[in-house]
Every structure is written in structure tokens, then in C-alpha cells.
């Protein structure tokens, strides 16, 4: 779809150039028109999210596993799960209380040699996974701390953000708006409001 948008913009720019050439002839206007076409075609579209889509693919893979993994802890108690994750990770892990979600457990995952906590919930009958990683560098791609960023990958929607220099993500096969709303809720609770 992004390529189609770029093609539409390029076609509109070409039409404008042809119309403009009828009024003003000369190489200067042709060069200017070519520059306009180049600018229109190079305007960033959603396809610029390819690096982040590649970075979140392992999160999607891990979210698909859920609790069906050796070393997972089934628990609906956030304190118990948080303590267990902290003992596995070596630092405190928040287990956020997410509205309309039921905590079912968690596990530690390896994302290209970066340990991450995966906290697993069900929400509206679907699995939702909250990831906490100790770095803002998610598999070679820096996660922006100024906003929640959403991408789709492998049938899942993924929302990423940072908290105190650490990457966070919410992954679910749910509507993007729902996933982003959960991410914003987690971020607000972590910030204390």
C-alpha cells in the first residue's frame, strides 16, 4: 500500500510537470520538475518501518510460544511472578496490572543474547504479551522514548516504547488501537500517573 501511495504521488508530480512544461519551456524547468519528482518519490512512507519490523519479529515469535516453554511460571499473582522474574533476570521487573486483562504467567526469553521478561496475559480471549528488556536497543534498532510506536508483523500488532532507558513492548494478535492503548496504559502506570 505504501508503494501505491508513492506511485500515486509520483504520477501526480509527473502530471504537474507536464502541465507546467506547457507553460514554460526550457531545460531549467525540466531539471526543476525532475527534482520535484525525486522529492515526491523519496518522501518516507510506512515502508520506512522495515527495520523495526525486522527487530520485532523475534518478539512475535516469542509471543506465539506463550507459556508452552520450559522454565515458564504459571501464576496469576503479580507479586509472585515479579519476584520470580527478578530472580531470573537479576533486577526488578514490574508486572503491570492491565485493564481487562488476566495475568496467566511469564518466562524469560533470549532475544539475540539479550534476556527479556515476557509477562503473559489473556485479554478478550486472546493472548497478550508484555516484554521488558534492559536496553533501549531492540535487536539493533533503537526504540524511541518519545512515543509509543506500533508496527504489524506476522499477524500480530506490536507497540514499543522505552522506560528509563529500557525497551518495552506489547504484542498481541489484536487490533492495533487496542495494543497501543495497552502500551500507553503500561507506560502511564510506570510513570506513576
C-alpha atoms as a PDB file:
ATOM      1  CA  UNK A   1       0.000   0.000   0.000  1.00  0.00           C
ATOM      2  CA  UNK A   2       2.894   2.360   0.776  1.00  0.00           C
ATOM      3  CA  UNK A   3       4.331   1.712  -2.681  1.00  0.00           C
ATOM      4  CA  UNK A   4       0.948   2.553  -4.193  1.00  0.00           C
ATOM      5  CA  UNK A   5       0.910   5.860  -2.299  1.00  0.00           C
ATOM      6  CA  UNK A   6       4.374   6.701  -3.620  1.00  0.00           C
ATOM      7  CA  UNK A   7       3.285   5.764  -7.157  1.00  0.00           C
ATOM      8  CA  UNK A   8       0.196   7.983  -6.858  1.00  0.00           C
ATOM      9  CA  UNK A   9       2.335  10.886  -5.655  1.00  0.00           C
ATOM     10  CA  UNK A  10       4.827  10.334  -8.472  1.00  0.00           C
ATOM     11  CA  UNK A  11       2.023  10.240 -11.080  1.00  0.00           C
ATOM     12  CA  UNK A  12       0.592  13.484  -9.686  1.00  0.00           C
ATOM     13  CA  UNK A  13       4.043  15.098  -9.806  1.00  0.00           C
ATOM     14  CA  UNK A  14       4.553  13.972 -13.418  1.00  0.00           C
ATOM     15  CA  UNK A  15       1.145  15.380 -14.396  1.00  0.00           C
ATOM     16  CA  UNK A  16       2.044  18.676 -12.724  1.00  0.00           C
ATOM     17  CA  UNK A  17       5.358  18.749 -14.582  1.00  0.00           C
ATOM     18  CA  UNK A  18       3.674  18.123 -17.946  1.00  0.00           C
ATOM     19  CA  UNK A  19       1.170  20.883 -17.235  1.00  0.00           C
ATOM     20  CA  UNK A  20       3.975  23.180 -16.121  1.00  0.00           C
ATOM     21  CA  UNK A  21       6.071  22.391 -19.248  1.00  0.00           C
ATOM     22  CA  UNK A  22       3.241  23.572 -21.496  1.00  0.00           C
ATOM     23  CA  UNK A  23       3.511  26.998 -19.910  1.00  0.00           C
ATOM     24  CA  UNK A  24       7.273  27.344 -19.525  1.00  0.00           C
ATOM     25  CA  UNK A  25       9.739  25.678 -21.866  1.00  0.00           C
ATOM     26  CA  UNK A  26      13.430  25.214 -21.249  1.00  0.00           C
ATOM     27  CA  UNK A  27      15.912  22.899 -19.528  1.00  0.00           C
ATOM     28  CA  UNK A  28      15.733  24.764 -16.216  1.00  0.00           C
ATOM     29  CA  UNK A  29      12.085  23.886 -15.738  1.00  0.00           C
ATOM     30  CA  UNK A  30      12.714  20.260 -16.746  1.00  0.00           C
ATOM     31  CA  UNK A  31      15.504  19.964 -14.153  1.00  0.00           C
ATOM     32  CA  UNK A  32      13.274  21.563 -11.509  1.00  0.00           C
ATOM     33  CA  UNK A  33      10.466  19.168 -12.397  1.00  0.00           C
ATOM     34  CA  UNK A  34      12.816  16.185 -12.095  1.00  0.00           C
ATOM     35  CA  UNK A  35      13.843  17.413  -8.654  1.00  0.00           C
ATOM     36  CA  UNK A  36      10.162  17.618  -7.640  1.00  0.00           C
ATOM     37  CA  UNK A  37       9.566  14.059  -8.854  1.00  0.00           C
ATOM     38  CA  UNK A  38      12.607  12.826  -6.933  1.00  0.00           C
ATOM     39  CA  UNK A  39      11.417  14.590  -3.797  1.00  0.00           C
ATOM     40  CA  UNK A  40       7.873  13.214  -4.057  1.00  0.00           C
ATOM     41  CA  UNK A  41       9.030   9.647  -4.678  1.00  0.00           C
ATOM     42  CA  UNK A  42      11.514   9.765  -1.786  1.00  0.00           C
ATOM     43  CA  UNK A  43       9.057  11.048   0.838  1.00  0.00           C
ATOM     44  CA  UNK A  44       9.085   8.481   3.685  1.00  0.00           C
ATOM     45  CA  UNK A  45       6.077   6.189   3.947  1.00  0.00           C
ATOM     46  CA  UNK A  46       5.158   3.374   6.301  1.00  0.00           C
ATOM     47  CA  UNK A  47       7.711   1.207   4.480  1.00  0.00           C
ATOM     48  CA  UNK A  48      10.423   3.021   6.498  1.00  0.00           C
ATOM     49  CA  UNK A  49       9.270   0.827   9.408  1.00  0.00           C
ATOM     50  CA  UNK A  50      11.018  -2.206   7.859  1.00  0.00           C
ATOM     51  CA  UNK A  51      13.982  -2.077  10.315  1.00  0.00           C
ATOM     52  CA  UNK A  52      11.622  -2.011  13.300  1.00  0.00           C
ATOM     53  CA  UNK A  53       9.511  -4.793  11.754  1.00  0.00           C
ATOM     54  CA  UNK A  54      12.657  -6.908  11.493  1.00  0.00           C
ATOM     55  CA  UNK A  55      13.569  -6.030  15.079  1.00  0.00           C
ATOM     56  CA  UNK A  56      10.169  -7.037  16.467  1.00  0.00           C
ATOM     57  CA  UNK A  57       9.962 -10.343  14.569  1.00  0.00           C
ATOM     58  CA  UNK A  58      11.660 -12.252  17.450  1.00  0.00           C
ATOM     59  CA  UNK A  59       9.161 -10.692  19.876  1.00  0.00           C
ATOM     60  CA  UNK A  60       6.327 -12.001  17.713  1.00  0.00           C
ATOM     61  CA  UNK A  61       7.956 -15.433  17.632  1.00  0.00           C
ATOM     62  CA  UNK A  62       8.338 -15.452  21.423  1.00  0.00           C
ATOM     63  CA  UNK A  63       4.791 -14.152  21.974  1.00  0.00           C
ATOM     64  CA  UNK A  64       3.486 -17.053  19.897  1.00  0.00           C
ATOM     65  CA  UNK A  65       5.127 -19.543  22.275  1.00  0.00           C
ATOM     66  CA  UNK A  66       3.325 -18.178  25.338  1.00  0.00           C
ATOM     67  CA  UNK A  67       3.743 -20.395  28.392  1.00  0.00           C
ATOM     68  CA  UNK A  68       4.449 -23.528  26.332  1.00  0.00           C
ATOM     69  CA  UNK A  69       8.123 -23.334  27.185  1.00  0.00           C
ATOM     70  CA  UNK A  70      10.462 -24.924  29.676  1.00  0.00           C
ATOM     71  CA  UNK A  71      11.110 -22.538  32.514  1.00  0.00           C
ATOM     72  CA  UNK A  72       7.792 -20.678  32.316  1.00  0.00           C
ATOM     73  CA  UNK A  73       5.932 -19.905  35.530  1.00  0.00           C
ATOM     74  CA  UNK A  74       2.145 -20.077  35.531  1.00  0.00           C
ATOM     75  CA  UNK A  75       0.903 -17.543  38.052  1.00  0.00           C
ATOM     76  CA  UNK A  76      -1.908 -15.039  38.363  1.00  0.00           C
ATOM     77  CA  UNK A  77      -0.157 -13.349  41.306  1.00  0.00           C
ATOM     78  CA  UNK A  78       1.799 -10.267  40.124  1.00  0.00           C
ATOM     79  CA  UNK A  79       3.991 -10.220  43.268  1.00  0.00           C
ATOM     80  CA  UNK A  80       4.961 -13.867  42.894  1.00  0.00           C
ATOM     81  CA  UNK A  81       5.625 -13.509  39.173  1.00  0.00           C
ATOM     82  CA  UNK A  82       7.578 -10.261  39.654  1.00  0.00           C
ATOM     83  CA  UNK A  83       9.785 -11.857  42.333  1.00  0.00           C
ATOM     84  CA  UNK A  84      10.391 -14.936  40.188  1.00  0.00           C
ATOM     85  CA  UNK A  85      11.265 -12.835  37.121  1.00  0.00           C
ATOM     86  CA  UNK A  86      13.602 -10.662  39.230  1.00  0.00           C
ATOM     87  CA  UNK A  87      15.399 -13.785  40.477  1.00  0.00           C
ATOM     88  CA  UNK A  88      15.818 -14.937  36.869  1.00  0.00           C
ATOM     89  CA  UNK A  89      16.760 -11.552  35.375  1.00  0.00           C
ATOM     90  CA  UNK A  90      18.825 -10.116  38.248  1.00  0.00           C
ATOM     91  CA  UNK A  91      16.813  -6.907  38.590  1.00  0.00           C
ATOM     92  CA  UNK A  92      13.272  -5.800  39.455  1.00  0.00           C
ATOM     93  CA  UNK A  93      10.606  -6.446  36.814  1.00  0.00           C
ATOM     94  CA  UNK A  94       7.281  -4.636  37.011  1.00  0.00           C
ATOM     95  CA  UNK A  95       4.275  -6.821  36.296  1.00  0.00           C
ATOM     96  CA  UNK A  96       1.729  -4.221  35.212  1.00  0.00           C
ATOM     97  CA  UNK A  97      -1.941  -4.599  36.063  1.00  0.00           C
ATOM     98  CA  UNK A  98      -3.563  -4.199  32.653  1.00  0.00           C
ATOM     99  CA  UNK A  99      -7.251  -3.238  32.464  1.00  0.00           C
ATOM    100  CA  UNK A 100      -9.490  -6.058  31.185  1.00  0.00           C
ATOM    101  CA  UNK A 101      -6.534  -8.473  31.075  1.00  0.00           C
ATOM    102  CA  UNK A 102      -5.946 -11.590  33.167  1.00  0.00           C
ATOM    103  CA  UNK A 103      -2.373 -12.399  34.191  1.00  0.00           C
ATOM    104  CA  UNK A 104      -1.513 -16.040  33.425  1.00  0.00           C
ATOM    105  CA  UNK A 105       2.273 -16.171  33.917  1.00  0.00           C
ATOM    106  CA  UNK A 106       5.641 -15.329  32.484  1.00  0.00           C
ATOM    107  CA  UNK A 107       9.041 -16.502  31.391  1.00  0.00           C
ATOM    108  CA  UNK A 108      12.497 -15.262  30.497  1.00  0.00           C
ATOM    109  CA  UNK A 109      13.278 -15.188  26.769  1.00  0.00           C
ATOM    110  CA  UNK A 110      16.510 -14.738  24.832  1.00  0.00           C
ATOM    111  CA  UNK A 111      16.342 -12.099  22.097  1.00  0.00           C
ATOM    112  CA  UNK A 112      19.685 -12.343  20.292  1.00  0.00           C
ATOM    113  CA  UNK A 113      21.587 -12.760  23.563  1.00  0.00           C
ATOM    114  CA  UNK A 114      19.565 -10.076  25.349  1.00  0.00           C
ATOM    115  CA  UNK A 115      17.448 -11.526  28.170  1.00  0.00           C
ATOM    116  CA  UNK A 116      13.905 -10.210  28.325  1.00  0.00           C
ATOM    117  CA  UNK A 117      10.997 -10.820  30.646  1.00  0.00           C
ATOM    118  CA  UNK A 118       7.794 -11.932  28.925  1.00  0.00           C
ATOM    119  CA  UNK A 119       4.684 -11.364  31.046  1.00  0.00           C
ATOM    120  CA  UNK A 120       1.692 -13.139  29.568  1.00  0.00           C
ATOM    121  CA  UNK A 121      -1.972 -12.213  29.875  1.00  0.00           C
ATOM    122  CA  UNK A 122      -5.246 -13.046  28.203  1.00  0.00           C
ATOM    123  CA  UNK A 123      -7.464 -10.193  27.060  1.00  0.00           C
ATOM    124  CA  UNK A 124     -10.791 -10.649  25.316  1.00  0.00           C
ATOM    125  CA  UNK A 125      -9.918 -14.318  24.827  1.00  0.00           C
ATOM    126  CA  UNK A 126      -6.595 -13.561  23.128  1.00  0.00           C
ATOM    127  CA  UNK A 127      -3.052 -13.800  24.416  1.00  0.00           C
ATOM    128  CA  UNK A 128      -1.209 -10.534  25.079  1.00  0.00           C
ATOM    129  CA  UNK A 129       2.490 -10.447  25.977  1.00  0.00           C
ATOM    130  CA  UNK A 130       4.294  -7.586  27.712  1.00  0.00           C
ATOM    131  CA  UNK A 131       8.070  -7.620  27.207  1.00  0.00           C
ATOM    132  CA  UNK A 132      10.611  -5.827  29.411  1.00  0.00           C
ATOM    133  CA  UNK A 133      14.191  -5.590  28.107  1.00  0.00           C
ATOM    134  CA  UNK A 134      17.137  -3.955  29.923  1.00  0.00           C
ATOM    135  CA  UNK A 135      18.199  -1.846  26.946  1.00  0.00           C
ATOM    136  CA  UNK A 136      16.566   0.608  24.538  1.00  0.00           C
ATOM    137  CA  UNK A 137      18.390  -1.166  21.711  1.00  0.00           C
ATOM    138  CA  UNK A 138      15.941  -3.801  20.463  1.00  0.00           C
ATOM    139  CA  UNK A 139      17.899  -6.188  18.240  1.00  0.00           C
ATOM    140  CA  UNK A 140      19.964  -3.428  16.672  1.00  0.00           C
ATOM    141  CA  UNK A 141      17.153  -0.886  16.355  1.00  0.00           C
ATOM    142  CA  UNK A 142      16.892   1.943  18.861  1.00  0.00           C
ATOM    143  CA  UNK A 143      13.418   2.275  20.324  1.00  0.00           C
ATOM    144  CA  UNK A 144      12.161   5.854  20.528  1.00  0.00           C
ATOM    145  CA  UNK A 145      11.360   7.082  24.017  1.00  0.00           C
ATOM    146  CA  UNK A 146       9.178   9.980  22.972  1.00  0.00           C
ATOM    147  CA  UNK A 147       6.149   7.938  21.939  1.00  0.00           C
ATOM    148  CA  UNK A 148       4.583   4.534  21.631  1.00  0.00           C
ATOM    149  CA  UNK A 149       5.336   3.185  18.166  1.00  0.00           C
ATOM    150  CA  UNK A 150       3.188   0.478  16.557  1.00  0.00           C
ATOM    151  CA  UNK A 151       4.033  -1.929  13.754  1.00  0.00           C
ATOM    152  CA  UNK A 152       2.464  -5.089  12.401  1.00  0.00           C
ATOM    153  CA  UNK A 153       4.422  -8.280  11.957  1.00  0.00           C
ATOM    154  CA  UNK A 154       3.354 -11.851  11.296  1.00  0.00           C
ATOM    155  CA  UNK A 155      -0.317 -11.256  12.074  1.00  0.00           C
ATOM    156  CA  UNK A 156       0.478  -9.530  15.380  1.00  0.00           C
ATOM    157  CA  UNK A 157       0.473  -5.877  16.335  1.00  0.00           C
ATOM    158  CA  UNK A 158       3.472  -4.713  18.329  1.00  0.00           C
ATOM    159  CA  UNK A 159       3.727  -1.479  20.317  1.00  0.00           C
ATOM    160  CA  UNK A 160       7.203  -0.431  21.509  1.00  0.00           C
ATOM    161  CA  UNK A 161       8.473   2.349  23.776  1.00  0.00           C
ATOM    162  CA  UNK A 162      11.146   2.983  26.403  1.00  0.00           C
ATOM    163  CA  UNK A 163      11.001   3.491  30.152  1.00  0.00           C
ATOM    164  CA  UNK A 164      14.072   4.792  31.954  1.00  0.00           C
ATOM    165  CA  UNK A 165      16.310   3.732  29.068  1.00  0.00           C
ATOM    166  CA  UNK A 166      14.878   0.204  28.829  1.00  0.00           C
ATOM    167  CA  UNK A 167      12.799  -1.134  25.938  1.00  0.00           C
ATOM    168  CA  UNK A 168       9.222  -2.266  26.471  1.00  0.00           C
ATOM    169  CA  UNK A 169       6.781  -3.894  24.068  1.00  0.00           C
ATOM    170  CA  UNK A 170       3.244  -5.219  23.973  1.00  0.00           C
ATOM    171  CA  UNK A 171       2.498  -7.926  21.394  1.00  0.00           C
ATOM    172  CA  UNK A 172      -0.910  -9.388  20.534  1.00  0.00           C
ATOM    173  CA  UNK A 173      -2.975 -10.641  17.620  1.00  0.00           C
ATOM    174  CA  UNK A 174      -5.435  -7.859  18.353  1.00  0.00           C
ATOM    175  CA  UNK A 175      -6.421  -4.562  16.750  1.00  0.00           C
ATOM    176  CA  UNK A 176      -3.574  -2.029  16.621  1.00  0.00           C
ATOM    177  CA  UNK A 177      -5.607   0.527  18.585  1.00  0.00           C
ATOM    178  CA  UNK A 178      -6.117  -1.975  21.429  1.00  0.00           C
ATOM    179  CA  UNK A 179      -2.424  -2.872  21.543  1.00  0.00           C
ATOM    180  CA  UNK A 180      -1.398   0.802  21.546  1.00  0.00           C
ATOM    181  CA  UNK A 181      -3.944   1.563  24.299  1.00  0.00           C
ATOM    182  CA  UNK A 182      -2.456  -1.218  26.460  1.00  0.00           C
ATOM    183  CA  UNK A 183       1.071   0.088  25.802  1.00  0.00           C
ATOM    184  CA  UNK A 184       0.047   3.613  26.796  1.00  0.00           C
ATOM    185  CA  UNK A 185      -1.622   2.271  29.945  1.00  0.00           C
ATOM    186  CA  UNK A 186       1.556   0.375  30.899  1.00  0.00           C
ATOM    187  CA  UNK A 187       3.683   3.426  30.210  1.00  0.00           C
ATOM    188  CA  UNK A 188       1.429   5.702  32.280  1.00  0.00           C
ATOM    189  CA  UNK A 189       1.394   3.279  35.222  1.00  0.00           C
ATOM    190  CA  UNK A 190       5.184   3.037  35.130  1.00  0.00           C
ATOM    191  CA  UNK A 191       5.413   6.839  35.155  1.00  0.00           C
ATOM    192  CA  UNK A 192       3.092   6.970  38.174  1.00  0.00           C
ATOM    193  CA  UNK A 193       0.011   8.576  36.642  1.00  0.00           C
END
